[in-house]
Amino acid sequence: MLRNGLEPWHLLVVAIVVLVLFGSKKLPDTARALGKSMRILKSEAKAMKEETPR
């Protein structure tokens, strides 16, 4: 069924659907919030790795 996997036109269709669903005005805010969440997650994961067991 999925012989070729993800092709470039699939990404184009997904991008268009996201643009239609969220609108062009909300995309920068959404991307900013996602980036902030990823930075927080990364810093928390790093802090957990550095934490010494007692």
PDB file of N, CA and C in Angstrom:
ATOM      1  N   MET A   1       0.821  -1.189   0.000  1.00  0.00           N
ATOM      2  CA  MET A   1       0.000   0.000   0.000  1.00  0.00           C
ATOM      3  C   MET A   1       0.871   1.263   0.000  1.00  0.00           C
ATOM      4  N   LEU A   2       1.777   1.387   0.968  1.00  0.00           N
ATOM      5  CA  LEU A   2       2.668   2.556   1.027  1.00  0.00           C
ATOM      6  C   LEU A   2       4.073   2.130   0.590  1.00  0.00           C
ATOM      7  N   ARG A   3       4.258   1.977  -0.698  1.00  0.00           N
ATOM      8  CA  ARG A   3       5.543   1.494  -1.196  1.00  0.00           C
ATOM      9  C   ARG A   3       6.628   2.560  -1.126  1.00  0.00           C
ATOM     10  N   ASN A   4       6.303   3.783  -1.482  1.00  0.00           N
ATOM     11  CA  ASN A   4       7.308   4.841  -1.552  1.00  0.00           C
ATOM     12  C   ASN A   4       7.400   5.680  -0.292  1.00  0.00           C
ATOM     13  N   GLY A   5       6.519   5.464   0.645  1.00  0.00           N
ATOM     14  CA  GLY A   5       6.549   6.254   1.872  1.00  0.00           C
ATOM     15  C   GLY A   5       6.126   7.687   1.629  1.00  0.00           C
ATOM     16  N   LEU A   6       6.840   8.604   2.241  1.00  0.00           N
ATOM     17  CA  LEU A   6       6.498  10.020   2.173  1.00  0.00           C
ATOM     18  C   LEU A   6       7.172  10.670   0.972  1.00  0.00           C
ATOM     19  N   GLU A   7       6.386  11.189   0.075  1.00  0.00           N
ATOM     20  CA  GLU A   7       6.911  11.855  -1.108  1.00  0.00           C
ATOM     21  C   GLU A   7       6.784  13.368  -0.936  1.00  0.00           C
ATOM     22  N   PRO A   8       7.527  14.136  -1.719  1.00  0.00           N
ATOM     23  CA  PRO A   8       7.490  15.605  -1.574  1.00  0.00           C
ATOM     24  C   PRO A   8       6.092  16.209  -1.704  1.00  0.00           C
ATOM     25  N   TRP A   9       5.255  15.655  -2.558  1.00  0.00           N
ATOM     26  CA  TRP A   9       3.927  16.242  -2.715  1.00  0.00           C
ATOM     27  C   TRP A   9       3.069  15.989  -1.486  1.00  0.00           C
ATOM     28  N   HIS A  10       3.379  14.940  -0.708  1.00  0.00           N
ATOM     29  CA  HIS A  10       2.656  14.720   0.547  1.00  0.00           C
ATOM     30  C   HIS A  10       2.901  15.889   1.505  1.00  0.00           C
ATOM     31  N   LEU A  11       4.155  16.321   1.571  1.00  0.00           N
ATOM     32  CA  LEU A  11       4.494  17.447   2.447  1.00  0.00           C
ATOM     33  C   LEU A  11       3.781  18.718   2.003  1.00  0.00           C
ATOM     34  N   LEU A  12       3.660  18.910   0.713  1.00  0.00           N
ATOM     35  CA  LEU A  12       2.954  20.080   0.192  1.00  0.00           C
ATOM     36  C   LEU A  12       1.481  20.053   0.592  1.00  0.00           C
ATOM     37  N   VAL A  13       0.859  18.894   0.487  1.00  0.00           N
ATOM     38  CA  VAL A  13      -0.547  18.760   0.880  1.00  0.00           C
ATOM     39  C   VAL A  13      -0.712  19.026   2.375  1.00  0.00           C
ATOM     40  N   VAL A  14       0.186  18.484   3.192  1.00  0.00           N
ATOM     41  CA  VAL A  14       0.117  18.705   4.641  1.00  0.00           C
ATOM     42  C   VAL A  14       0.291  20.185   4.953  1.00  0.00           C
ATOM     43  N   ALA A  15       1.231  20.859   4.288  1.00  0.00           N
ATOM     44  CA  ALA A  15       1.450  22.288   4.514  1.00  0.00           C
ATOM     45  C   ALA A  15       0.203  23.097   4.160  1.00  0.00           C
ATOM     46  N   ILE A  16      -0.440  22.760   3.074  1.00  0.00           N
ATOM     47  CA  ILE A  16      -1.655  23.477   2.669  1.00  0.00           C
ATOM     48  C   ILE A  16      -2.779  23.258   3.682  1.00  0.00           C
ATOM     49  N   VAL A  17      -2.929  22.025   4.152  1.00  0.00           N
ATOM     50  CA  VAL A  17      -3.973  21.728   5.137  1.00  0.00           C
ATOM     51  C   VAL A  17      -3.725  22.503   6.426  1.00  0.00           C
ATOM     52  N   VAL A  18      -2.473  22.544   6.886  1.00  0.00           N
ATOM     53  CA  VAL A  18      -2.140  23.288   8.106  1.00  0.00           C
ATOM     54  C   VAL A  18      -2.426  24.771   7.911  1.00  0.00           C
ATOM     55  N   LEU A  19      -2.064  25.296   6.772  1.00  0.00           N
ATOM     56  CA  LEU A  19      -2.306  26.716   6.484  1.00  0.00           C
ATOM     57  C   LEU A  19      -3.800  27.020   6.474  1.00  0.00           C
ATOM     58  N   VAL A  20      -4.607  26.143   5.910  1.00  0.00           N
ATOM     59  CA  VAL A  20      -6.056  26.356   5.864  1.00  0.00           C
ATOM     60  C   VAL A  20      -6.663  26.245   7.258  1.00  0.00           C
ATOM     61  N   LEU A  21      -6.217  25.254   8.032  1.00  0.00           N
ATOM     62  CA  LEU A  21      -6.790  25.041   9.362  1.00  0.00           C
ATOM     63  C   LEU A  21      -6.445  26.163  10.330  1.00  0.00           C
ATOM     64  N   PHE A  22      -5.190  26.562  10.369  1.00  0.00           N
ATOM     65  CA  PHE A  22      -4.749  27.530  11.374  1.00  0.00           C
ATOM     66  C   PHE A  22      -4.725  28.960  10.868  1.00  0.00           C
ATOM     67  N   GLY A  23      -4.665  29.153   9.605  1.00  0.00           N
ATOM     68  CA  GLY A  23      -4.591  30.494   9.056  1.00  0.00           C
ATOM     69  C   GLY A  23      -3.183  31.044   9.147  1.00  0.00           C
ATOM     70  N   SER A  24      -2.864  31.982   8.303  1.00  0.00           N
ATOM     71  CA  SER A  24      -1.501  32.502   8.245  1.00  0.00           C
ATOM     72  C   SER A  24      -1.169  33.409   9.431  1.00  0.00           C
ATOM     73  N   LYS A  25      -2.168  33.941  10.109  1.00  0.00           N
ATOM     74  CA  LYS A  25      -1.895  34.840  11.240  1.00  0.00           C
ATOM     75  C   LYS A  25      -1.520  34.071  12.501  1.00  0.00           C
ATOM     76  N   LYS A  26      -2.021  32.856  12.677  1.00  0.00           N
ATOM     77  CA  LYS A  26      -1.739  32.100  13.888  1.00  0.00           C
ATOM     78  C   LYS A  26      -0.467  31.265  13.779  1.00  0.00           C
ATOM     79  N   LEU A  27       0.024  31.028  12.580  1.00  0.00           N
ATOM     80  CA  LEU A  27       1.195  30.163  12.411  1.00  0.00           C
ATOM     81  C   LEU A  27       2.441  30.686  13.120  1.00  0.00           C
ATOM     82  N   PRO A  28       2.802  31.975  13.032  1.00  0.00           N
ATOM     83  CA  PRO A  28       3.991  32.448  13.760  1.00  0.00           C
ATOM     84  C   PRO A  28       3.866  32.275  15.272  1.00  0.00           C
ATOM     85  N   ASP A  29       2.694  32.547  15.816  1.00  0.00           N
ATOM     86  CA  ASP A  29       2.487  32.378  17.256  1.00  0.00           C
ATOM     87  C   ASP A  29       2.588  30.909  17.654  1.00  0.00           C
ATOM     88  N   THR A  30       2.031  30.048  16.832  1.00  0.00           N
ATOM     89  CA  THR A  30       2.095  28.616  17.104  1.00  0.00           C
ATOM     90  C   THR A  30       3.531  28.117  17.042  1.00  0.00           C
ATOM     91  N   ALA A  31       4.283  28.553  16.053  1.00  0.00           N
ATOM     92  CA  ALA A  31       5.682  28.142  15.919  1.00  0.00           C
ATOM     93  C   ALA A  31       6.506  28.666  17.096  1.00  0.00           C
ATOM     94  N   ARG A  32       6.241  29.883  17.527  1.00  0.00           N
ATOM     95  CA  ARG A  32       6.953  30.458  18.659  1.00  0.00           C
ATOM     96  C   ARG A  32       6.669  29.671  19.940  1.00  0.00           C
ATOM     97  N   ALA A  33       5.416  29.331  20.156  1.00  0.00           N
ATOM     98  CA  ALA A  33       5.041  28.561  21.337  1.00  0.00           C
ATOM     99  C   ALA A  33       5.653  27.164  21.304  1.00  0.00           C
ATOM    100  N   LEU A  34       5.685  26.552  20.137  1.00  0.00           N
ATOM    101  CA  LEU A  34       6.295  25.227  19.996  1.00  0.00           C
ATOM    102  C   LEU A  34       7.787  25.287  20.280  1.00  0.00           C
ATOM    103  N   GLY A  35       8.457  26.302  19.776  1.00  0.00           N
ATOM    104  CA  GLY A  35       9.886  26.466  20.033  1.00  0.00           C
ATOM    105  C   GLY A  35      10.179  26.681  21.509  1.00  0.00           C
ATOM    106  N   LYS A  36       9.362  27.484  22.155  1.00  0.00           N
ATOM    107  CA  LYS A  36       9.536  27.725  23.589  1.00  0.00           C
ATOM    108  C   LYS A  36       9.331  26.443  24.386  1.00  0.00           C
ATOM    109  N   SER A  37       8.317  25.670  24.009  1.00  0.00           N
ATOM    110  CA  SER A  37       8.063  24.405  24.695  1.00  0.00           C
ATOM    111  C   SER A  37       9.214  23.430  24.502  1.00  0.00           C
ATOM    112  N   MET A  38       9.779  23.396  23.306  1.00  0.00           N
ATOM    113  CA  MET A  38      10.907  22.498  23.041  1.00  0.00           C
ATOM    114  C   MET A  38      12.133  22.913  23.856  1.00  0.00           C
ATOM    115  N   ARG A  39      12.385  24.212  24.002  1.00  0.00           N
ATOM    116  CA  ARG A  39      13.517  24.675  24.815  1.00  0.00           C
ATOM    117  C   ARG A  39      13.327  24.298  26.279  1.00  0.00           C
ATOM    118  N   ILE A  40      12.110  24.440  26.789  1.00  0.00           N
ATOM    119  CA  ILE A  40      11.827  24.071  28.176  1.00  0.00           C
ATOM    120  C   ILE A  40      12.021  22.575  28.366  1.00  0.00           C
ATOM    121  N   LEU A  41      11.504  21.774  27.448  1.00  0.00           N
ATOM    122  CA  LEU A  41      11.651  20.322  27.529  1.00  0.00           C
ATOM    123  C   LEU A  41      13.122  19.924  27.503  1.00  0.00           C
ATOM    124  N   LYS A  42      13.896  20.553  26.640  1.00  0.00           N
ATOM    125  CA  LYS A  42      15.325  20.245  26.525  1.00  0.00           C
ATOM    126  C   LYS A  42      16.059  20.593  27.819  1.00  0.00           C
ATOM    127  N   SER A  43      15.764  21.749  28.392  1.00  0.00           N
ATOM    128  CA  SER A  43      16.442  22.150  29.619  1.00  0.00           C
ATOM    129  C   SER A  43      16.050  21.257  30.794  1.00  0.00           C
ATOM    130  N   GLU A  44      14.790  20.841  30.853  1.00  0.00           N
ATOM    131  CA  GLU A  44      14.350  19.947  31.924  1.00  0.00           C
ATOM    132  C   GLU A  44      14.994  18.564  31.785  1.00  0.00           C
ATOM    133  N   ALA A  45      15.099  18.068  30.562  1.00  0.00           N
ATOM    134  CA  ALA A  45      15.738  16.771  30.337  1.00  0.00           C
ATOM    135  C   ALA A  45      17.219  16.835  30.716  1.00  0.00           C
ATOM    136  N   LYS A  46      17.871  17.934  30.389  1.00  0.00           N
ATOM    137  CA  LYS A  46      19.285  18.105  30.742  1.00  0.00           C
ATOM    138  C   LYS A  46      19.447  18.160  32.259  1.00  0.00           C
ATOM    139  N   ALA A  47      18.547  18.863  32.938  1.00  0.00           N
ATOM    140  CA  ALA A  47      18.610  18.957  34.397  1.00  0.00           C
ATOM    141  C   ALA A  47      18.393  17.591  35.039  1.00  0.00           C
ATOM    142  N   MET A  48      17.510  16.783  34.465  1.00  0.00           N
ATOM    143  CA  MET A  48      17.285  15.454  35.030  1.00  0.00           C
ATOM    144  C   MET A  48      18.510  14.564  34.842  1.00  0.00           C
ATOM    145  N   LYS A  49      19.218  14.701  33.728  1.00  0.00           N
ATOM    146  CA  LYS A  49      20.428  13.901  33.489  1.00  0.00           C
ATOM    147  C   LYS A  49      21.550  14.305  34.431  1.00  0.00           C
ATOM    148  N   GLU A  50      21.637  15.598  34.740  1.00  0.00           N
ATOM    149  CA  GLU A  50      22.709  16.092  35.592  1.00  0.00           C
ATOM    150  C   GLU A  50      22.427  15.847  37.080  1.00  0.00           C
ATOM    151  N   GLU A  51      21.190  15.569  37.402  1.00  0.00           N
ATOM    152  CA  GLU A  51      20.808  15.359  38.793  1.00  0.00           C
ATOM    153  C   GLU A  51      21.492  14.075  39.309  1.00  0.00           C
ATOM    154  N   THR A  52      22.141  14.193  40.464  1.00  0.00           N
ATOM    155  CA  THR A  52      22.852  13.040  41.019  1.00  0.00           C
ATOM    156  C   THR A  52      21.912  12.223  41.897  1.00  0.00           C
ATOM    157  N   PRO A  53      21.954  10.888  41.746  1.00  0.00           N
ATOM    158  CA  PRO A  53      21.111  10.052  42.605  1.00  0.00           C
ATOM    159  C   PRO A  53      21.624  10.024  44.027  1.00  0.00           C
ATOM    160  N   ARG A  54      20.718   9.926  44.986  1.00  0.00           N
ATOM    161  CA  ARG A  54      21.111   9.964  46.393  1.00  0.00           C
ATOM    162  C   ARG A  54      21.068   8.614  47.009  1.00  0.00           C
TER     163      ARG A  54
END
